Amino acid sequence: METPDETLPDYVYQAFGLVYYGGDFQAEIESFAQRWRGLDANAFERAVREGVGEEKIIAIFALGSLNPPGVQEMLVPLLQSPVRMERWASAIALGKLHDERALPVLHTILQYEALLPIMDELTDESMCYIGYREIIASLLANWGNLSSIPILHAALKAAWAWELQLLANPPSYAQFEMIPFWQTYQYKLAYALGQLGVYGALTDIPFSDSRRRILMIYLALGHLQVEQKDIFLKMDDKTLQEKVAKALERLFGLSETEQHVCLVHFGDDYFREGALEGHPSPPEETWEEWEED
């Protein structure tokens, strides 16, 4: 991913990064600024009112970060947009502002629209749909609204069933590339459920032993409120390992031996589950700059 232009406000880089996966969008920023006469709140409001396609989506996300006066009333009608990306982006932007009118759409995305056919190639659009689900999981957990608990749990169950279905068919090479991203989504959901105190979320889902170990650790990390960025690297820290071990005992009743197995095998489990014969898992911080802003 390219280094952010330090002359641009963070909200600009983040909004474009939510539409152009990979970070190579300097030309798009310049084009947007020229078309809409700037990169301030007024320009983004004009793009929402008059724009279409990717520029309108970018503007929605930017306004969600800027939160200028009247922005919520501007975005609420888009929750009913027939254009899926407009509907999703406005729900996420309003969710970031804790506008409860966005909750039904956010829940619908995870509960029903998550069952839409999986795209079979890595494109900006397919990465956005995966990444937006990750953002929604984190938004709902940070929001702390208990009505989201069954939705997050159902999404975790659906994501696992979906992965098994892909692997059984068998998937194309491109779908194999995408499976690690869906696994990362499961980790986000587990972390979110841990934040919300739902420690029995794995009991009714037939995960493999290695996946269950990974998800128990993510539930524990959510419970401990460990910052999500670079979690995999953080797990090398002995102090954090001790905290996670105690959480595994407290939350799941694991013995010292079982705690040790979870922690010692975390790296092997993570890459065996996610790498899929050489395809590395995506970095967990892919979307977190905007989530944590």
C-alpha atoms as a PDB file:
ATOM      1  CA  MET A   1       0.000   0.000   0.000  1.00  0.00           C
ATOM      2  CA  GLU A   2       1.354   3.425  -0.850  1.00  0.00           C
ATOM      3  CA  THR A   3       2.324   5.875   1.870  1.00  0.00           C
ATOM      4  CA  PRO A   4      -0.420   8.438   2.593  1.00  0.00           C
ATOM      5  CA  ASP A   5       0.137  11.910   1.202  1.00  0.00           C
ATOM      6  CA  GLU A   6       1.075  13.844   4.351  1.00  0.00           C
ATOM      7  CA  THR A   7      -0.398  17.028   2.867  1.00  0.00           C
ATOM      8  CA  LEU A   8      -3.889  15.464   2.863  1.00  0.00           C
ATOM      9  CA  PRO A   9      -6.154  15.154   5.911  1.00  0.00           C
ATOM     10  CA  ASP A  10      -6.469  11.593   7.218  1.00  0.00           C
ATOM     11  CA  TYR A  11     -10.171  11.462   6.380  1.00  0.00           C
ATOM     12  CA  VAL A  12      -9.399  11.924   2.679  1.00  0.00           C
ATOM     13  CA  TYR A  13      -6.904   9.094   2.495  1.00  0.00           C
ATOM     14  CA  GLN A  14      -9.141   6.827   4.569  1.00  0.00           C
ATOM     15  CA  ALA A  15     -12.267   7.505   2.496  1.00  0.00           C
ATOM     16  CA  PHE A  16     -10.491   6.759  -0.778  1.00  0.00           C
ATOM     17  CA  GLY A  17      -8.841   3.707   0.772  1.00  0.00           C
ATOM     18  CA  LEU A  18     -12.251   2.248   1.527  1.00  0.00           C
ATOM     19  CA  VAL A  19     -13.079   2.228  -2.175  1.00  0.00           C
ATOM     20  CA  TYR A  20      -9.721   1.605  -3.868  1.00  0.00           C
ATOM     21  CA  TYR A  21      -8.225  -1.499  -2.273  1.00  0.00           C
ATOM     22  CA  GLY A  22      -4.428  -1.406  -2.279  1.00  0.00           C
ATOM     23  CA  GLY A  23      -3.881   2.327  -1.859  1.00  0.00           C
ATOM     24  CA  ASP A  24      -2.963   3.437  -5.381  1.00  0.00           C
ATOM     25  CA  PHE A  25      -5.458   6.268  -5.812  1.00  0.00           C
ATOM     26  CA  GLN A  26      -3.581   9.579  -6.013  1.00  0.00           C
ATOM     27  CA  ALA A  27      -4.938  10.212  -9.510  1.00  0.00           C
ATOM     28  CA  GLU A  28      -8.480   9.581  -8.267  1.00  0.00           C
ATOM     29  CA  ILE A  29      -8.002  12.071  -5.424  1.00  0.00           C
ATOM     30  CA  GLU A  30      -6.830  14.739  -7.854  1.00  0.00           C
ATOM     31  CA  SER A  31      -9.702  14.041 -10.221  1.00  0.00           C
ATOM     32  CA  PHE A  32     -12.247  14.217  -7.390  1.00  0.00           C
ATOM     33  CA  ALA A  33     -10.830  17.498  -6.083  1.00  0.00           C
ATOM     34  CA  GLN A  34     -11.002  19.029  -9.545  1.00  0.00           C
ATOM     35  CA  ARG A  35     -14.544  17.819 -10.258  1.00  0.00           C
ATOM     36  CA  TRP A  36     -16.036  18.778  -6.881  1.00  0.00           C
ATOM     37  CA  ARG A  37     -13.902  21.864  -6.220  1.00  0.00           C
ATOM     38  CA  GLY A  38     -11.938  20.671  -3.258  1.00  0.00           C
ATOM     39  CA  LEU A  39     -11.672  18.023  -0.568  1.00  0.00           C
ATOM     40  CA  ASP A  40     -13.556  19.735   2.244  1.00  0.00           C
ATOM     41  CA  ALA A  41     -16.988  19.005   3.693  1.00  0.00           C
ATOM     42  CA  ASN A  42     -18.729  21.188   1.094  1.00  0.00           C
ATOM     43  CA  ALA A  43     -17.095  19.288  -1.760  1.00  0.00           C
ATOM     44  CA  PHE A  44     -18.078  15.923  -0.302  1.00  0.00           C
ATOM     45  CA  GLU A  45     -21.640  17.119   0.276  1.00  0.00           C
ATOM     46  CA  ARG A  46     -21.861  18.202  -3.368  1.00  0.00           C
ATOM     47  CA  ALA A  47     -20.591  14.782  -4.442  1.00  0.00           C
ATOM     48  CA  VAL A  48     -23.245  13.031  -2.342  1.00  0.00           C
ATOM     49  CA  ARG A  49     -26.033  15.203  -3.796  1.00  0.00           C
ATOM     50  CA  GLU A  50     -24.902  15.199  -7.412  1.00  0.00           C
ATOM     51  CA  GLY A  51     -22.345  12.412  -7.841  1.00  0.00           C
ATOM     52  CA  VAL A  52     -22.655   8.761  -8.775  1.00  0.00           C
ATOM     53  CA  GLY A  53     -20.615   5.607  -8.448  1.00  0.00           C
ATOM     54  CA  GLU A  54     -17.314   5.492  -6.601  1.00  0.00           C
ATOM     55  CA  GLU A  55     -17.072   9.234  -6.031  1.00  0.00           C
ATOM     56  CA  LYS A  56     -20.403   9.267  -4.225  1.00  0.00           C
ATOM     57  CA  ILE A  57     -19.321   6.338  -2.027  1.00  0.00           C
ATOM     58  CA  ILE A  58     -16.052   8.085  -1.174  1.00  0.00           C
ATOM     59  CA  ALA A  59     -17.964  11.227  -0.239  1.00  0.00           C
ATOM     60  CA  ILE A  60     -20.302   9.273   2.043  1.00  0.00           C
ATOM     61  CA  PHE A  61     -17.365   7.794   3.956  1.00  0.00           C
ATOM     62  CA  ALA A  62     -15.591  11.154   4.196  1.00  0.00           C
ATOM     63  CA  LEU A  63     -18.695  12.797   5.631  1.00  0.00           C
ATOM     64  CA  GLY A  64     -19.000   9.977   8.159  1.00  0.00           C
ATOM     65  CA  SER A  65     -15.568  10.986   9.470  1.00  0.00           C
ATOM     66  CA  LEU A  66     -16.072  14.755   9.195  1.00  0.00           C
ATOM     67  CA  ASN A  67     -19.587  14.754  10.709  1.00  0.00           C
ATOM     68  CA  PRO A  68     -20.530  18.278   9.541  1.00  0.00           C
ATOM     69  CA  PRO A  69     -23.869  19.747  10.707  1.00  0.00           C
ATOM     70  CA  GLY A  70     -26.845  18.046   9.061  1.00  0.00           C
ATOM     71  CA  VAL A  71     -24.850  15.121   7.664  1.00  0.00           C
ATOM     72  CA  GLN A  72     -26.996  12.458   9.300  1.00  0.00           C
ATOM     73  CA  GLU A  73     -30.187  13.781   7.717  1.00  0.00           C
ATOM     74  CA  MET A  74     -28.370  13.890   4.383  1.00  0.00           C
ATOM     75  CA  LEU A  75     -27.274  10.254   4.629  1.00  0.00           C
ATOM     76  CA  VAL A  76     -30.374   8.650   6.161  1.00  0.00           C
ATOM     77  CA  PRO A  77     -32.354   8.546   2.863  1.00  0.00           C
ATOM     78  CA  LEU A  78     -29.477   6.596   1.298  1.00  0.00           C
ATOM     79  CA  LEU A  79     -30.184   3.719   3.689  1.00  0.00           C
ATOM     80  CA  GLN A  80     -33.015   2.883   1.280  1.00  0.00           C
ATOM     81  CA  SER A  81     -30.955   3.335  -1.877  1.00  0.00           C
ATOM     82  CA  PRO A  82     -31.393   0.651  -4.553  1.00  0.00           C
ATOM     83  CA  VAL A  83     -27.625   0.890  -5.122  1.00  0.00           C
ATOM     84  CA  ARG A  84     -26.041  -1.610  -2.751  1.00  0.00           C
ATOM     85  CA  MET A  85     -22.757   0.244  -2.254  1.00  0.00           C
ATOM     86  CA  GLU A  86     -24.625   3.468  -1.376  1.00  0.00           C
ATOM     87  CA  ARG A  87     -26.781   1.582   1.094  1.00  0.00           C
ATOM     88  CA  TRP A  88     -23.810  -0.122   2.738  1.00  0.00           C
ATOM     89  CA  ALA A  89     -21.598   2.990   2.836  1.00  0.00           C
ATOM     90  CA  SER A  90     -24.309   5.206   4.335  1.00  0.00           C
ATOM     91  CA  ALA A  91     -25.114   2.562   6.967  1.00  0.00           C
ATOM     92  CA  ILE A  92     -21.444   2.324   7.936  1.00  0.00           C
ATOM     93  CA  ALA A  93     -20.990   6.104   8.031  1.00  0.00           C
ATOM     94  CA  LEU A  94     -24.115   6.550  10.160  1.00  0.00           C
ATOM     95  CA  GLY A  95     -23.109   3.601  12.331  1.00  0.00           C
ATOM     96  CA  LYS A  96     -19.827   5.321  13.046  1.00  0.00           C
ATOM     97  CA  LEU A  97     -21.908   8.247  14.302  1.00  0.00           C
ATOM     98  CA  HIS A  98     -24.071   5.858  16.401  1.00  0.00           C
ATOM     99  CA  ASP A  99     -27.226   6.809  14.542  1.00  0.00           C
ATOM    100  CA  GLU A 100     -29.677   4.044  15.467  1.00  0.00           C
ATOM    101  CA  ARG A 101     -31.475   4.412  12.140  1.00  0.00           C
ATOM    102  CA  ALA A 102     -28.517   2.594  10.582  1.00  0.00           C
ATOM    103  CA  LEU A 103     -28.801  -0.472  12.834  1.00  0.00           C
ATOM    104  CA  PRO A 104     -31.433  -2.372  10.794  1.00  0.00           C
ATOM    105  CA  VAL A 105     -29.363  -1.988   7.627  1.00  0.00           C
ATOM    106  CA  LEU A 106     -26.112  -2.989   9.358  1.00  0.00           C
ATOM    107  CA  HIS A 107     -27.851  -6.045  10.771  1.00  0.00           C
ATOM    108  CA  THR A 108     -29.341  -6.897   7.400  1.00  0.00           C
ATOM    109  CA  ILE A 109     -25.933  -6.734   5.726  1.00  0.00           C
ATOM    110  CA  LEU A 110     -24.482  -9.282   8.140  1.00  0.00           C
ATOM    111  CA  GLN A 111     -27.555 -11.461   8.466  1.00  0.00           C
ATOM    112  CA  TYR A 112     -28.935 -11.593   4.935  1.00  0.00           C
ATOM    113  CA  GLU A 113     -26.783  -9.775   2.437  1.00  0.00           C
ATOM    114  CA  ALA A 114     -23.802 -11.734   3.766  1.00  0.00           C
ATOM    115  CA  LEU A 115     -25.401 -14.722   2.037  1.00  0.00           C
ATOM    116  CA  LEU A 116     -25.055 -13.152  -1.399  1.00  0.00           C
ATOM    117  CA  PRO A 117     -22.916 -15.209  -3.794  1.00  0.00           C
ATOM    118  CA  ILE A 118     -19.215 -14.835  -3.164  1.00  0.00           C
ATOM    119  CA  MET A 119     -17.359 -13.063  -5.927  1.00  0.00           C
ATOM    120  CA  ASP A 120     -14.730 -15.347  -7.409  1.00  0.00           C
ATOM    121  CA  GLU A 121     -11.919 -12.883  -8.059  1.00  0.00           C
ATOM    122  CA  LEU A 122      -9.954 -10.266  -6.169  1.00  0.00           C
ATOM    123  CA  THR A 123     -11.219  -6.883  -7.346  1.00  0.00           C
ATOM    124  CA  ASP A 124     -11.681  -3.535  -5.603  1.00  0.00           C
ATOM    125  CA  GLU A 125     -15.384  -4.276  -5.368  1.00  0.00           C
ATOM    126  CA  SER A 126     -15.040  -7.776  -3.914  1.00  0.00           C
ATOM    127  CA  MET A 127     -12.458  -6.606  -1.387  1.00  0.00           C
ATOM    128  CA  CYS A 128     -14.733  -3.759  -0.356  1.00  0.00           C
ATOM    129  CA  TYR A 129     -17.641  -6.091   0.317  1.00  0.00           C
ATOM    130  CA  ILE A 130     -15.431  -8.264   2.512  1.00  0.00           C
ATOM    131  CA  GLY A 131     -13.771  -5.326   4.246  1.00  0.00           C
ATOM    132  CA  TYR A 132     -17.060  -3.554   4.907  1.00  0.00           C
ATOM    133  CA  ARG A 133     -18.329  -6.602   6.784  1.00  0.00           C
ATOM    134  CA  GLU A 134     -15.222  -6.450   8.971  1.00  0.00           C
ATOM    135  CA  ILE A 135     -15.870  -2.766   9.659  1.00  0.00           C
ATOM    136  CA  ILE A 136     -19.491  -3.467  10.538  1.00  0.00           C
ATOM    137  CA  ALA A 137     -18.496  -6.180  13.025  1.00  0.00           C
ATOM    138  CA  SER A 138     -16.153  -3.750  14.780  1.00  0.00           C
ATOM    139  CA  LEU A 139     -18.662  -0.880  14.655  1.00  0.00           C
ATOM    140  CA  LEU A 140     -21.383  -2.967  16.264  1.00  0.00           C
ATOM    141  CA  ALA A 141     -19.060  -4.201  19.007  1.00  0.00           C
ATOM    142  CA  ASN A 142     -17.722  -0.719  19.782  1.00  0.00           C
ATOM    143  CA  TRP A 143     -21.274   0.594  19.799  1.00  0.00           C
ATOM    144  CA  GLY A 144     -22.167  -1.909  22.520  1.00  0.00           C
ATOM    145  CA  ASN A 145     -25.772  -2.353  21.396  1.00  0.00           C
ATOM    146  CA  LEU A 146     -26.854  -5.756  22.730  1.00  0.00           C
ATOM    147  CA  SER A 147     -29.346  -6.252  19.877  1.00  0.00           C
ATOM    148  CA  SER A 148     -26.329  -6.894  17.651  1.00  0.00           C
ATOM    149  CA  ILE A 149     -25.208 -10.006  19.562  1.00  0.00           C
ATOM    150  CA  PRO A 150     -27.426 -12.588  17.781  1.00  0.00           C
ATOM    151  CA  ILE A 151     -26.615 -10.968  14.433  1.00  0.00           C
ATOM    152  CA  LEU A 152     -22.850 -11.250  14.988  1.00  0.00           C
ATOM    153  CA  HIS A 153     -23.221 -14.835  16.174  1.00  0.00           C
ATOM    154  CA  ALA A 154     -25.338 -15.791  13.162  1.00  0.00           C
ATOM    155  CA  ALA A 155     -22.800 -14.111  10.875  1.00  0.00           C
ATOM    156  CA  LEU A 156     -19.993 -16.186  12.385  1.00  0.00           C
ATOM    157  CA  LYS A 157     -21.960 -19.379  11.852  1.00  0.00           C
ATOM    158  CA  ALA A 158     -22.782 -18.380   8.261  1.00  0.00           C
ATOM    159  CA  ALA A 159     -19.174 -17.453   7.466  1.00  0.00           C
ATOM    160  CA  TRP A 160     -17.923 -20.862   8.595  1.00  0.00           C
ATOM    161  CA  ALA A 161     -20.643 -22.728   6.648  1.00  0.00           C
ATOM    162  CA  TRP A 162     -19.850 -20.606   3.611  1.00  0.00           C
ATOM    163  CA  GLU A 163     -16.170 -21.467   3.788  1.00  0.00           C
ATOM    164  CA  LEU A 164     -16.922 -25.192   4.047  1.00  0.00           C
ATOM    165  CA  GLN A 165     -19.215 -24.948   1.039  1.00  0.00           C
ATOM    166  CA  LEU A 166     -16.493 -23.261  -1.012  1.00  0.00           C
ATOM    167  CA  LEU A 167     -13.915 -25.849  -0.067  1.00  0.00           C
ATOM    168  CA  ALA A 168     -16.263 -28.733  -0.867  1.00  0.00           C
ATOM    169  CA  ASN A 169     -17.214 -27.665  -4.388  1.00  0.00           C
ATOM    170  CA  PRO A 170     -14.145 -27.280  -5.030  1.00  0.00           C
ATOM    171  CA  PRO A 171     -13.533 -23.552  -5.551  1.00  0.00           C
ATOM    172  CA  SER A 172     -11.633 -21.988  -8.383  1.00  0.00           C
ATOM    173  CA  TYR A 173      -8.098 -20.684  -7.868  1.00  0.00           C
ATOM    174  CA  ALA A 174      -9.474 -17.166  -7.449  1.00  0.00           C
ATOM    175  CA  GLN A 175     -11.929 -18.313  -4.777  1.00  0.00           C
ATOM    176  CA  PHE A 176      -9.058 -20.007  -2.963  1.00  0.00           C
ATOM    177  CA  GLU A 177      -7.327 -16.627  -2.896  1.00  0.00           C
ATOM    178  CA  MET A 178     -10.384 -15.089  -1.265  1.00  0.00           C
ATOM    179  CA  ILE A 179     -10.929 -17.703   1.438  1.00  0.00           C
ATOM    180  CA  PRO A 180      -8.256 -16.220   3.774  1.00  0.00           C
ATOM    181  CA  PHE A 181     -10.097 -12.912   3.686  1.00  0.00           C
ATOM    182  CA  TRP A 182     -13.287 -14.630   4.812  1.00  0.00           C
ATOM    183  CA  GLN A 183     -11.314 -16.308   7.588  1.00  0.00           C
ATOM    184  CA  THR A 184     -10.090 -12.906   8.757  1.00  0.00           C
ATOM    185  CA  TYR A 185     -13.739 -11.832   8.814  1.00  0.00           C
ATOM    186  CA  GLN A 186     -14.459 -14.717  11.187  1.00  0.00           C
ATOM    187  CA  TYR A 187     -11.659 -13.526  13.462  1.00  0.00           C
ATOM    188  CA  LYS A 188     -13.176 -10.028  13.486  1.00  0.00           C
ATOM    189  CA  LEU A 189     -16.559 -11.461  14.422  1.00  0.00           C
ATOM    190  CA  ALA A 190     -15.053 -13.523  17.251  1.00  0.00           C
ATOM    191  CA  TYR A 191     -13.182 -10.489  18.577  1.00  0.00           C
ATOM    192  CA  ALA A 192     -16.414  -8.448  18.450  1.00  0.00           C
ATOM    193  CA  LEU A 193     -18.324 -11.143  20.344  1.00  0.00           C
ATOM    194  CA  GLY A 194     -15.559 -11.206  22.947  1.00  0.00           C
ATOM    195  CA  GLN A 195     -15.915  -7.444  23.363  1.00  0.00           C
ATOM    196  CA  LEU A 196     -19.625  -7.904  23.979  1.00  0.00           C
ATOM    197  CA  GLY A 197     -19.073 -10.693  26.510  1.00  0.00           C
ATOM    198  CA  VAL A 198     -20.467 -13.566  24.408  1.00  0.00           C
ATOM    199  CA  TYR A 199     -18.029 -16.306  25.374  1.00  0.00           C
ATOM    200  CA  GLY A 200     -20.248 -19.239  24.392  1.00  0.00           C
ATOM    201  CA  ALA A 201     -20.386 -18.140  20.748  1.00  0.00           C
ATOM    202  CA  LEU A 202     -18.460 -21.195  19.495  1.00  0.00           C
ATOM    203  CA  THR A 203     -20.383 -23.951  21.261  1.00  0.00           C
ATOM    204  CA  ASP A 204     -23.020 -24.589  18.588  1.00  0.00           C
ATOM    205  CA  ILE A 205     -20.766 -24.246  15.521  1.00  0.00           C
ATOM    206  CA  PRO A 206     -18.818 -27.325  14.309  1.00  0.00           C
ATOM    207  CA  PHE A 207     -15.446 -25.652  13.782  1.00  0.00           C
ATOM    208  CA  SER A 208     -12.317 -27.653  13.163  1.00  0.00           C
ATOM    209  CA  ASP A 209     -10.056 -27.996  16.210  1.00  0.00           C
ATOM    210  CA  SER A 210      -7.490 -25.569  14.818  1.00  0.00           C
ATOM    211  CA  ARG A 211     -10.104 -22.953  13.876  1.00  0.00           C
ATOM    212  CA  ARG A 212     -11.747 -23.259  17.283  1.00  0.00           C
ATOM    213  CA  ARG A 213      -8.394 -22.616  18.968  1.00  0.00           C
ATOM    214  CA  ILE A 214      -7.840 -19.499  16.874  1.00  0.00           C
ATOM    215  CA  LEU A 215     -11.339 -18.182  17.553  1.00  0.00           C
ATOM    216  CA  MET A 216     -11.074 -18.800  21.300  1.00  0.00           C
ATOM    217  CA  ILE A 217      -7.961 -16.638  21.324  1.00  0.00           C
ATOM    218  CA  TYR A 218      -9.750 -13.878  19.390  1.00  0.00           C
ATOM    219  CA  LEU A 219     -12.686 -14.036  21.791  1.00  0.00           C
ATOM    220  CA  ALA A 220     -10.200 -13.703  24.662  1.00  0.00           C
ATOM    221  CA  LEU A 221      -8.478 -10.777  22.944  1.00  0.00           C
ATOM    222  CA  GLY A 222     -11.822  -9.042  22.473  1.00  0.00           C
ATOM    223  CA  HIS A 223     -12.605  -9.622  26.150  1.00  0.00           C
ATOM    224  CA  LEU A 224      -9.220  -8.102  27.083  1.00  0.00           C
ATOM    225  CA  GLN A 225      -9.821  -5.119  24.762  1.00  0.00           C
ATOM    226  CA  VAL A 226      -6.420  -5.579  23.107  1.00  0.00           C
ATOM    227  CA  GLU A 227      -6.033  -3.094  20.247  1.00  0.00           C
ATOM    228  CA  GLN A 228      -6.813  -4.996  17.063  1.00  0.00           C
ATOM    229  CA  LYS A 229      -4.008  -3.600  14.924  1.00  0.00           C
ATOM    230  CA  ASP A 230      -1.163  -6.114  14.464  1.00  0.00           C
ATOM    231  CA  ILE A 231      -2.753  -8.650  16.810  1.00  0.00           C
ATOM    232  CA  PHE A 232      -0.802 -11.510  15.255  1.00  0.00           C
ATOM    233  CA  LEU A 233       2.507  -9.759  15.983  1.00  0.00           C
ATOM    234  CA  LYS A 234       1.373  -8.795  19.476  1.00  0.00           C
ATOM    235  CA  MET A 235       0.856 -12.451  20.330  1.00  0.00           C
ATOM    236  CA  ASP A 236       4.644 -12.869  20.556  1.00  0.00           C
ATOM    237  CA  ASP A 237       4.597 -10.757  23.722  1.00  0.00           C
ATOM    238  CA  LYS A 238       4.969 -12.963  26.834  1.00  0.00           C
ATOM    239  CA  THR A 239       2.950 -10.622  29.040  1.00  0.00           C
ATOM    240  CA  LEU A 240       0.032 -10.697  26.602  1.00  0.00           C
ATOM    241  CA  GLN A 241       0.315 -14.486  26.335  1.00  0.00           C
ATOM    242  CA  GLU A 242      -0.059 -14.741  30.106  1.00  0.00           C
ATOM    243  CA  LYS A 243      -3.139 -12.510  30.044  1.00  0.00           C
ATOM    244  CA  VAL A 244      -4.673 -14.533  27.221  1.00  0.00           C
ATOM    245  CA  ALA A 245      -3.926 -17.790  29.041  1.00  0.00           C
ATOM    246  CA  LYS A 246      -5.746 -16.547  32.136  1.00  0.00           C
ATOM    247  CA  ALA A 247      -8.660 -15.405  29.960  1.00  0.00           C
ATOM    248  CA  LEU A 248      -8.838 -18.820  28.282  1.00  0.00           C
ATOM    249  CA  GLU A 249      -9.069 -20.423  31.716  1.00  0.00           C
ATOM    250  CA  ARG A 250     -11.648 -17.955  32.991  1.00  0.00           C
ATOM    251  CA  LEU A 251     -13.838 -17.821  29.883  1.00  0.00           C
ATOM    252  CA  PHE A 252     -13.623 -21.379  28.563  1.00  0.00           C
ATOM    253  CA  GLY A 253     -12.388 -23.405  31.522  1.00  0.00           C
ATOM    254  CA  LEU A 254      -9.241 -24.530  29.706  1.00  0.00           C
ATOM    255  CA  SER A 255      -6.590 -26.366  31.697  1.00  0.00           C
ATOM    256  CA  GLU A 256      -2.967 -25.208  31.671  1.00  0.00           C
ATOM    257  CA  THR A 257      -2.196 -27.861  29.068  1.00  0.00           C
ATOM    258  CA  GLU A 258      -5.085 -26.718  26.845  1.00  0.00           C
ATOM    259  CA  GLN A 259      -4.074 -23.071  27.236  1.00  0.00           C
ATOM    260  CA  HIS A 260      -0.527 -24.006  26.243  1.00  0.00           C
ATOM    261  CA  VAL A 261      -1.742 -25.850  23.150  1.00  0.00           C
ATOM    262  CA  CYS A 262      -3.823 -22.841  22.048  1.00  0.00           C
ATOM    263  CA  LEU A 263      -0.953 -20.406  22.482  1.00  0.00           C
ATOM    264  CA  VAL A 264       1.903 -22.560  21.206  1.00  0.00           C
ATOM    265  CA  HIS A 265      -0.018 -23.581  18.098  1.00  0.00           C
ATOM    266  CA  PHE A 266      -1.529 -20.165  17.384  1.00  0.00           C
ATOM    267  CA  GLY A 267       1.012 -19.300  14.685  1.00  0.00           C
ATOM    268  CA  ASP A 268       0.850 -22.720  13.040  1.00  0.00           C
ATOM    269  CA  ASP A 269      -2.948 -22.791  13.231  1.00  0.00           C
ATOM    270  CA  TYR A 270      -3.209 -19.256  11.849  1.00  0.00           C
ATOM    271  CA  PHE A 271      -1.055 -19.870   8.799  1.00  0.00           C
ATOM    272  CA  ARG A 272      -2.275 -23.395   8.159  1.00  0.00           C
ATOM    273  CA  GLU A 273      -5.856 -22.143   8.200  1.00  0.00           C
ATOM    274  CA  GLY A 274      -5.216 -18.896   6.370  1.00  0.00           C
ATOM    275  CA  ALA A 275      -2.262 -19.471   4.071  1.00  0.00           C
ATOM    276  CA  LEU A 276      -3.899 -22.209   1.983  1.00  0.00           C
ATOM    277  CA  GLU A 277      -0.768 -23.564   0.366  1.00  0.00           C
ATOM    278  CA  GLY A 278       1.047 -20.276  -0.005  1.00  0.00           C
ATOM    279  CA  HIS A 279      -1.713 -17.664  -0.055  1.00  0.00           C
ATOM    280  CA  PRO A 280      -1.029 -15.471   3.002  1.00  0.00           C
ATOM    281  CA  SER A 281      -3.821 -14.061   5.116  1.00  0.00           C
ATOM    282  CA  PRO A 282      -4.494 -10.352   4.652  1.00  0.00           C
ATOM    283  CA  PRO A 283      -3.099  -7.969   7.248  1.00  0.00           C
ATOM    284  CA  GLU A 284      -5.581  -7.545  10.083  1.00  0.00           C
ATOM    285  CA  GLU A 285      -5.157  -3.763  10.069  1.00  0.00           C
ATOM    286  CA  THR A 286      -6.359  -3.438   6.465  1.00  0.00           C
ATOM    287  CA  TRP A 287      -9.509  -1.526   7.475  1.00  0.00           C
ATOM    288  CA  GLU A 288      -8.736  -0.538  11.057  1.00  0.00           C
ATOM    289  CA  GLU A 289      -7.458   2.993  10.464  1.00  0.00           C
ATOM    290  CA  TRP A 290     -10.987   4.043   9.572  1.00  0.00           C
ATOM    291  CA  GLU A 291     -12.657   1.850  12.201  1.00  0.00           C
ATOM    292  CA  GLU A 292     -10.620   3.337  15.031  1.00  0.00           C
ATOM    293  CA  ASP A 293     -10.585   6.953  13.815  1.00  0.00           C
END
